């Protein structure tokens, strides 16, 4: 006697092709930037240098006034909300369209590393750039040669 895995497919001539196709998200071609609530979450790049953390948030179509950036203790939160409405009146009908998009991303920064007063943010060409400088005492020092006595 042998064990055979069955997925409810009564036609053995069609192996798990249908199971594989219907078991996946239909239009997710490896670009998994959706949250569990099926809302779009912008991609974020974070780079650490010796002097600062550099954060890039891909948010095309926004304006700099759409963003809210807060630092609460060591929790950095980047959020945005944009609402758009359009109304077109013709002779015997009115067409109204609206859209609303928002997101929120939070990052926990290391304690006592960030120089909170010198955080800088700018938005250009669809990218939100944040520069989060480190405190002097938290900056990595270069290699040091130690003399043997």
N, C-alpha and C. Protein backbone atom coordinates (compact mmCIF):
# COMPACT_ATOMS: atom_id res chain seq x y z
N UNK A 1 0.86 -1.17 0.00
CA UNK A 1 0.00 0.00 0.00
C UNK A 1 0.90 1.23 0.00
N UNK A 2 0.56 2.22 -0.83
CA UNK A 2 1.33 3.46 -0.86
C UNK A 2 0.41 4.64 -0.61
N UNK A 3 0.98 5.70 -0.11
CA UNK A 3 0.20 6.91 0.17
C UNK A 3 0.33 7.86 -1.00
N UNK A 4 -0.79 8.40 -1.43
CA UNK A 4 -0.81 9.34 -2.54
C UNK A 4 -1.48 10.62 -2.07
N UNK A 5 -0.83 11.73 -2.33
CA UNK A 5 -1.42 13.02 -1.95
C UNK A 5 -2.50 13.37 -2.95
N UNK A 6 -3.68 13.69 -2.46
CA UNK A 6 -4.79 14.07 -3.34
C UNK A 6 -5.29 15.44 -2.90
N UNK A 7 -5.52 16.30 -3.86
CA UNK A 7 -6.02 17.64 -3.60
C UNK A 7 -7.48 17.77 -4.02
N UNK A 8 -8.17 16.69 -4.11
CA UNK A 8 -9.56 16.76 -4.53
C UNK A 8 -9.70 16.73 -6.03
N UNK A 9 -8.64 16.55 -6.77
CA UNK A 9 -8.68 16.51 -8.21
C UNK A 9 -9.12 15.11 -8.62
N UNK A 10 -10.27 15.00 -9.25
CA UNK A 10 -10.78 13.69 -9.63
C UNK A 10 -10.28 13.26 -11.00
N UNK A 11 -9.58 14.13 -11.71
CA UNK A 11 -9.03 13.79 -13.02
C UNK A 11 -7.52 13.68 -12.92
N UNK A 12 -6.99 12.46 -12.75
CA UNK A 12 -5.55 12.31 -12.59
C UNK A 12 -4.78 12.70 -13.84
N UNK A 13 -5.44 12.82 -14.99
CA UNK A 13 -4.75 13.22 -16.20
C UNK A 13 -4.29 14.68 -16.12
N UNK A 14 -4.93 15.46 -15.28
CA UNK A 14 -4.54 16.86 -15.09
C UNK A 14 -3.90 16.99 -13.73
N UNK A 15 -2.59 16.80 -13.65
CA UNK A 15 -1.96 16.88 -12.34
C UNK A 15 -2.18 18.24 -11.70
N UNK A 16 -1.43 18.56 -10.75
CA UNK A 16 -1.70 19.71 -9.91
C UNK A 16 -1.60 21.05 -10.64
N UNK A 17 -1.71 21.06 -11.96
CA UNK A 17 -1.67 22.31 -12.73
C UNK A 17 -2.77 23.26 -12.27
N UNK A 18 -3.99 22.75 -12.16
CA UNK A 18 -5.10 23.59 -11.75
C UNK A 18 -4.98 24.02 -10.30
N UNK A 19 -4.53 23.09 -9.45
CA UNK A 19 -4.34 23.43 -8.04
C UNK A 19 -3.31 24.53 -7.89
N UNK A 20 -2.23 24.42 -8.65
CA UNK A 20 -1.16 25.42 -8.59
C UNK A 20 -1.67 26.77 -9.09
N UNK A 21 -2.43 26.77 -10.19
CA UNK A 21 -2.92 28.02 -10.77
C UNK A 21 -3.93 28.70 -9.86
N UNK A 22 -4.90 27.94 -9.35
CA UNK A 22 -5.95 28.55 -8.53
C UNK A 22 -5.51 28.77 -7.09
N UNK A 23 -4.42 28.15 -6.67
CA UNK A 23 -3.94 28.33 -5.31
C UNK A 23 -3.13 29.59 -5.12
N UNK A 24 -2.72 30.22 -6.21
CA UNK A 24 -1.89 31.44 -6.13
C UNK A 24 -2.75 32.68 -6.21
N UNK A 25 -2.15 33.80 -5.83
CA UNK A 25 -2.80 35.08 -6.07
C UNK A 25 -2.74 35.32 -7.56
N UNK A 26 -3.84 35.71 -8.16
CA UNK A 26 -3.95 35.75 -9.61
C UNK A 26 -2.96 36.70 -10.28
N UNK A 27 -2.83 37.91 -9.80
CA UNK A 27 -1.98 38.88 -10.47
C UNK A 27 -0.73 39.22 -9.68
N UNK A 28 -0.30 38.38 -8.80
CA UNK A 28 0.92 38.63 -8.05
C UNK A 28 2.07 37.94 -8.77
N UNK A 29 2.78 38.70 -9.58
CA UNK A 29 3.88 38.17 -10.38
C UNK A 29 5.19 38.37 -9.65
N UNK A 30 5.23 38.12 -8.37
CA UNK A 30 6.45 38.26 -7.61
C UNK A 30 6.61 39.65 -7.03
N UNK A 31 5.73 40.55 -7.32
CA UNK A 31 5.79 41.90 -6.75
C UNK A 31 4.86 41.93 -5.56
N UNK A 32 5.37 41.59 -4.41
CA UNK A 32 4.53 41.41 -3.23
C UNK A 32 4.60 42.64 -2.34
N UNK A 33 4.13 43.80 -2.83
CA UNK A 33 4.14 44.99 -2.01
C UNK A 33 2.72 45.36 -1.59
N UNK A 34 1.94 44.35 -1.23
CA UNK A 34 0.60 44.57 -0.73
C UNK A 34 0.53 44.09 0.71
N UNK A 35 -0.20 44.81 1.51
CA UNK A 35 -0.34 44.42 2.91
C UNK A 35 -1.40 43.34 3.02
N UNK A 36 -1.62 42.85 4.22
CA UNK A 36 -2.62 41.80 4.44
C UNK A 36 -4.04 42.32 4.19
N UNK A 37 -4.21 43.64 4.12
CA UNK A 37 -5.53 44.20 3.84
C UNK A 37 -5.68 44.56 2.37
N UNK A 38 -4.76 44.09 1.52
CA UNK A 38 -4.77 44.31 0.08
C UNK A 38 -4.64 45.77 -0.31
N UNK A 39 -3.98 46.55 0.49
CA UNK A 39 -3.70 47.93 0.14
C UNK A 39 -2.24 48.04 -0.25
N UNK A 40 -1.93 48.96 -1.11
CA UNK A 40 -0.56 49.11 -1.58
C UNK A 40 0.30 49.74 -0.50
N UNK A 41 1.46 49.17 -0.29
CA UNK A 41 2.43 49.69 0.66
C UNK A 41 3.67 50.06 -0.14
N UNK A 42 4.15 51.30 -0.06
CA UNK A 42 5.29 51.69 -0.88
C UNK A 42 6.57 50.96 -0.47
N UNK A 43 7.41 50.73 -1.46
CA UNK A 43 8.70 50.09 -1.21
C UNK A 43 9.62 51.08 -0.50
N UNK A 44 10.47 50.55 0.37
CA UNK A 44 11.38 51.38 1.16
C UNK A 44 12.79 50.80 1.06
N UNK A 45 13.76 51.68 0.82
CA UNK A 45 15.18 51.31 0.87
C UNK A 45 15.79 52.00 2.08
N UNK A 46 16.57 51.26 2.87
CA UNK A 46 17.24 51.84 4.03
C UNK A 46 18.72 51.50 3.91
N UNK A 47 19.53 52.54 4.01
CA UNK A 47 20.98 52.36 3.90
C UNK A 47 21.64 53.01 5.11
N UNK A 48 22.58 52.30 5.72
CA UNK A 48 23.30 52.85 6.86
C UNK A 48 24.70 53.22 6.41
N UNK A 49 25.09 54.46 6.67
CA UNK A 49 26.45 54.90 6.43
C UNK A 49 27.10 55.13 7.79
N UNK A 50 28.35 55.55 7.78
CA UNK A 50 29.02 55.81 9.06
C UNK A 50 28.42 57.00 9.78
N UNK A 51 27.83 57.95 9.04
CA UNK A 51 27.30 59.17 9.65
C UNK A 51 25.79 59.20 9.84
N UNK A 52 25.05 58.38 9.05
CA UNK A 52 23.59 58.52 9.08
C UNK A 52 22.90 57.28 8.54
N UNK A 53 21.57 57.27 8.71
CA UNK A 53 20.71 56.31 8.04
C UNK A 53 20.04 57.08 6.91
N UNK A 54 19.97 56.47 5.73
CA UNK A 54 19.30 57.10 4.60
C UNK A 54 18.11 56.24 4.21
N UNK A 55 16.93 56.86 4.18
CA UNK A 55 15.70 56.13 3.89
C UNK A 55 15.09 56.71 2.62
N UNK A 56 14.71 55.84 1.69
CA UNK A 56 14.01 56.25 0.46
C UNK A 56 12.68 55.51 0.42
N UNK A 57 11.60 56.27 0.22
CA UNK A 57 10.26 55.71 0.11
C UNK A 57 9.74 56.00 -1.28
N UNK A 58 9.38 54.98 -2.04
CA UNK A 58 8.85 55.16 -3.39
C UNK A 58 7.37 55.50 -3.29
N UNK A 59 7.03 56.77 -3.57
CA UNK A 59 5.64 57.22 -3.47
C UNK A 59 5.33 58.18 -4.61
N UNK A 60 5.26 57.67 -5.85
CA UNK A 60 4.98 58.55 -6.98
C UNK A 60 3.56 59.09 -6.94
N UNK A 61 3.39 60.26 -7.51
CA UNK A 61 2.07 60.88 -7.58
C UNK A 61 1.67 61.65 -6.34
N UNK A 62 2.52 61.70 -5.36
CA UNK A 62 2.22 62.43 -4.13
C UNK A 62 2.82 63.82 -4.21
N UNK A 63 2.48 64.62 -3.24
CA UNK A 63 3.09 65.94 -3.07
C UNK A 63 3.70 65.98 -1.69
N UNK A 64 4.65 66.88 -1.49
CA UNK A 64 5.35 66.89 -0.20
C UNK A 64 4.41 67.18 0.96
N UNK A 65 3.32 67.90 0.73
CA UNK A 65 2.36 68.18 1.79
C UNK A 65 1.50 66.97 2.18
N UNK A 66 1.56 65.91 1.39
CA UNK A 66 0.76 64.71 1.68
C UNK A 66 1.38 63.83 2.77
N UNK A 67 2.65 64.06 3.10
CA UNK A 67 3.37 63.20 4.03
C UNK A 67 3.32 63.73 5.46
N UNK A 68 3.33 62.80 6.39
CA UNK A 68 3.48 63.11 7.80
C UNK A 68 4.58 62.20 8.34
N UNK A 69 5.61 62.81 8.93
CA UNK A 69 6.74 62.05 9.46
C UNK A 69 6.87 62.39 10.94
N UNK A 70 6.79 61.37 11.79
CA UNK A 70 6.90 61.61 13.23
C UNK A 70 7.95 60.69 13.83
N UNK A 71 8.58 61.18 14.88
CA UNK A 71 9.53 60.38 15.64
C UNK A 71 9.07 60.42 17.09
N UNK A 72 8.63 59.27 17.58
CA UNK A 72 8.14 59.15 18.95
C UNK A 72 9.08 58.20 19.69
N UNK A 73 9.97 58.76 20.49
CA UNK A 73 11.00 57.95 21.13
C UNK A 73 11.95 57.45 20.06
N UNK A 74 11.99 56.14 19.84
CA UNK A 74 12.82 55.61 18.77
C UNK A 74 11.98 54.97 17.66
N UNK A 75 10.68 55.34 17.57
CA UNK A 75 9.79 54.82 16.54
C UNK A 75 9.55 55.91 15.49
N UNK A 76 10.07 55.67 14.29
CA UNK A 76 9.89 56.60 13.17
C UNK A 76 8.69 56.13 12.36
N UNK A 77 7.72 57.02 12.15
CA UNK A 77 6.51 56.68 11.40
C UNK A 77 6.38 57.62 10.22
N UNK A 78 6.23 57.03 9.03
CA UNK A 78 6.01 57.78 7.80
C UNK A 78 4.62 57.42 7.32
N UNK A 79 3.77 58.42 7.15
CA UNK A 79 2.42 58.15 6.69
C UNK A 79 2.01 59.18 5.65
N UNK A 80 0.98 58.84 4.90
CA UNK A 80 0.48 59.73 3.87
C UNK A 80 -0.99 59.45 3.64
N UNK A 81 -1.72 60.49 3.31
CA UNK A 81 -3.13 60.36 2.94
C UNK A 81 -3.41 61.35 1.83
N UNK A 82 -4.01 60.85 0.76
CA UNK A 82 -4.33 61.72 -0.37
C UNK A 82 -5.74 61.39 -0.84
N UNK A 83 -6.51 62.44 -1.01
CA UNK A 83 -7.89 62.27 -1.44
C UNK A 83 -8.10 63.12 -2.69
N UNK A 84 -8.79 62.55 -3.67
CA UNK A 84 -9.03 63.27 -4.91
C UNK A 84 -10.49 63.10 -5.30
N UNK A 85 -11.11 64.22 -5.71
CA UNK A 85 -12.51 64.19 -6.13
C UNK A 85 -12.65 64.91 -7.46
N UNK A 86 -13.54 64.39 -8.28
CA UNK A 86 -13.81 65.03 -9.57
C UNK A 86 -15.30 64.93 -9.84
N UNK A 87 -15.86 66.03 -10.28
CA UNK A 87 -17.29 66.03 -10.60
C UNK A 87 -17.48 66.70 -11.96
N UNK A 88 -18.26 66.05 -12.81
CA UNK A 88 -18.51 66.56 -14.15
C UNK A 88 -20.02 66.57 -14.39
N UNK A 89 -20.57 67.74 -14.66
CA UNK A 89 -22.01 67.86 -14.89
C UNK A 89 -22.24 68.11 -16.38
N UNK A 90 -23.11 67.30 -16.94
CA UNK A 90 -23.51 67.46 -18.34
C UNK A 90 -25.00 67.78 -18.36
N UNK A 91 -25.60 67.72 -19.51
CA UNK A 91 -27.00 68.13 -19.64
C UNK A 91 -27.95 67.31 -18.77
N UNK A 92 -27.87 66.01 -18.86
CA UNK A 92 -28.83 65.20 -18.11
C UNK A 92 -28.18 64.18 -17.17
N UNK A 93 -26.91 64.36 -16.85
CA UNK A 93 -26.28 63.46 -15.88
C UNK A 93 -25.14 64.16 -15.17
N UNK A 94 -24.79 63.62 -14.03
CA UNK A 94 -23.64 64.08 -13.25
C UNK A 94 -22.75 62.88 -12.98
N UNK A 95 -21.47 63.05 -13.25
CA UNK A 95 -20.50 61.97 -12.98
C UNK A 95 -19.58 62.43 -11.86
N UNK A 96 -19.54 61.63 -10.79
CA UNK A 96 -18.65 61.92 -9.66
C UNK A 96 -17.69 60.76 -9.49
N UNK A 97 -16.42 61.10 -9.37
CA UNK A 97 -15.41 60.09 -9.11
C UNK A 97 -14.54 60.58 -7.97
N UNK A 98 -14.10 59.65 -7.14
CA UNK A 98 -13.21 60.02 -6.05
C UNK A 98 -12.27 58.85 -5.78
N UNK A 99 -11.15 59.19 -5.24
CA UNK A 99 -10.20 58.14 -4.83
C UNK A 99 -9.55 58.58 -3.53
N UNK A 100 -9.13 57.60 -2.77
CA UNK A 100 -8.47 57.86 -1.50
C UNK A 100 -7.37 56.84 -1.35
N UNK A 101 -6.18 57.30 -1.08
CA UNK A 101 -5.08 56.37 -0.84
C UNK A 101 -4.30 56.83 0.38
N UNK A 102 -3.88 55.86 1.16
CA UNK A 102 -3.11 56.18 2.35
C UNK A 102 -2.19 55.01 2.67
N UNK A 103 -1.15 55.30 3.41
CA UNK A 103 -0.26 54.26 3.89
C UNK A 103 0.41 54.75 5.16
N UNK A 104 0.96 53.79 5.88
CA UNK A 104 1.74 54.10 7.09
C UNK A 104 2.80 53.03 7.24
N UNK A 105 4.04 53.46 7.40
CA UNK A 105 5.16 52.56 7.65
C UNK A 105 5.86 53.03 8.90
N UNK A 106 6.21 52.11 9.78
CA UNK A 106 6.90 52.44 11.01
C UNK A 106 8.20 51.65 11.10
N UNK A 107 9.23 52.31 11.62
CA UNK A 107 10.54 51.69 11.77
C UNK A 107 11.07 51.99 13.16
N UNK A 108 11.60 50.97 13.80
CA UNK A 108 12.17 51.16 15.12
C UNK A 108 13.67 51.42 14.97
N UNK A 109 14.10 52.58 15.45
CA UNK A 109 15.50 52.96 15.37
C UNK A 109 16.21 52.54 16.65
N UNK A 110 17.51 52.34 16.55
CA UNK A 110 18.29 51.97 17.72
C UNK A 110 18.24 53.11 18.74
N UNK A 111 18.18 52.75 20.03
CA UNK A 111 18.11 53.77 21.08
C UNK A 111 19.42 54.54 21.19
N UNK A 112 19.31 55.80 21.46
CA UNK A 112 20.45 56.69 21.72
C UNK A 112 21.46 56.71 20.57
N UNK A 113 20.99 56.53 19.35
CA UNK A 113 21.88 56.56 18.19
C UNK A 113 21.56 57.76 17.29
N UNK A 114 20.29 58.13 17.19
CA UNK A 114 19.83 59.13 16.24
C UNK A 114 19.91 60.53 16.83
N UNK A 115 20.40 61.47 16.02
CA UNK A 115 20.39 62.89 16.38
C UNK A 115 19.05 63.46 15.91
N UNK A 116 18.06 63.45 16.79
CA UNK A 116 16.67 63.78 16.45
C UNK A 116 16.50 65.18 15.85
N UNK A 117 17.30 66.13 16.29
CA UNK A 117 17.12 67.52 15.86
C UNK A 117 17.61 67.78 14.44
N UNK A 118 18.35 66.86 13.86
CA UNK A 118 18.94 67.11 12.54
C UNK A 118 18.37 66.21 11.45
N UNK A 119 17.22 65.59 11.68
CA UNK A 119 16.59 64.75 10.65
C UNK A 119 16.11 65.65 9.53
N UNK A 120 16.39 65.24 8.30
CA UNK A 120 16.06 66.03 7.12
C UNK A 120 15.22 65.19 6.17
N UNK A 121 14.16 65.77 5.57
CA UNK A 121 13.31 65.06 4.61
C UNK A 121 13.07 65.94 3.40
N UNK A 122 13.10 65.31 2.23
CA UNK A 122 12.77 66.03 0.99
C UNK A 122 12.06 65.06 0.05
N UNK A 123 11.22 65.61 -0.83
CA UNK A 123 10.47 64.79 -1.78
C UNK A 123 10.75 65.30 -3.18
N UNK A 124 11.25 64.41 -4.03
CA UNK A 124 11.50 64.80 -5.42
C UNK A 124 11.43 63.57 -6.32
N UNK A 125 10.86 63.78 -7.50
CA UNK A 125 10.76 62.74 -8.53
C UNK A 125 10.13 61.44 -8.02
N UNK A 126 9.11 61.56 -7.18
CA UNK A 126 8.39 60.38 -6.70
C UNK A 126 9.05 59.65 -5.55
N UNK A 127 10.17 60.17 -5.03
CA UNK A 127 10.87 59.54 -3.91
C UNK A 127 10.92 60.47 -2.72
N UNK A 128 10.56 59.95 -1.56
CA UNK A 128 10.72 60.67 -0.30
C UNK A 128 12.06 60.24 0.27
N UNK A 129 12.96 61.21 0.46
CA UNK A 129 14.31 60.94 0.99
C UNK A 129 14.38 61.45 2.43
N UNK A 130 14.80 60.60 3.34
CA UNK A 130 15.04 61.01 4.72
C UNK A 130 16.50 60.75 5.04
N UNK A 131 17.13 61.72 5.67
CA UNK A 131 18.48 61.56 6.19
C UNK A 131 18.38 61.66 7.70
N UNK A 132 18.76 60.59 8.37
CA UNK A 132 18.65 60.52 9.83
C UNK A 132 20.07 60.42 10.38
N UNK A 133 20.66 61.56 10.78
CA UNK A 133 22.05 61.53 11.25
C UNK A 133 22.20 60.83 12.58
N UNK A 134 23.39 60.26 12.77
CA UNK A 134 23.72 59.60 14.03
C UNK A 134 24.38 60.60 14.97
N UNK A 135 24.25 60.35 16.26
CA UNK A 135 24.96 61.16 17.24
C UNK A 135 26.45 60.89 17.11
N UNK A 136 27.25 61.86 17.49
CA UNK A 136 28.71 61.72 17.36
C UNK A 136 29.24 60.49 18.06
N UNK A 137 28.74 60.22 19.26
CA UNK A 137 29.25 59.08 20.02
C UNK A 137 28.80 57.73 19.44
N UNK A 138 27.79 57.73 18.56
CA UNK A 138 27.29 56.49 17.98
C UNK A 138 27.90 56.20 16.61
N UNK A 139 28.62 57.16 16.04
CA UNK A 139 29.21 56.96 14.71
C UNK A 139 30.32 55.92 14.79
N UNK A 140 30.38 55.10 13.75
CA UNK A 140 31.41 54.07 13.72
C UNK A 140 32.75 54.70 13.40
N UNK A 141 33.71 54.35 14.15
CA UNK A 141 35.06 54.83 13.93
C UNK A 141 35.75 53.88 12.95
N UNK A 142 36.70 54.40 12.20
CA UNK A 142 37.47 53.58 11.29
C UNK A 142 38.39 52.65 12.05
N UNK A 143 39.00 51.71 11.33
CA UNK A 143 39.92 50.81 12.02
C UNK A 143 41.09 51.53 12.64
N UNK A 144 41.52 51.06 13.76
CA UNK A 144 42.60 51.70 14.51
C UNK A 144 43.71 50.69 14.73
N UNK A 145 44.92 51.12 14.52
CA UNK A 145 46.07 50.26 14.75
C UNK A 145 46.53 50.41 16.19
N UNK A 146 46.71 49.29 16.84
CA UNK A 146 47.13 49.30 18.24
C UNK A 146 48.58 48.81 18.29
N UNK A 147 49.44 49.61 18.86
CA UNK A 147 50.84 49.26 18.98
C UNK A 147 51.06 48.29 20.14
N UNK A 148 51.89 47.33 19.90
CA UNK A 148 52.23 46.37 20.95
C UNK A 148 53.42 46.89 21.70
N UNK A 149 53.35 46.96 23.03
CA UNK A 149 54.44 47.52 23.82
C UNK A 149 55.42 46.45 24.21
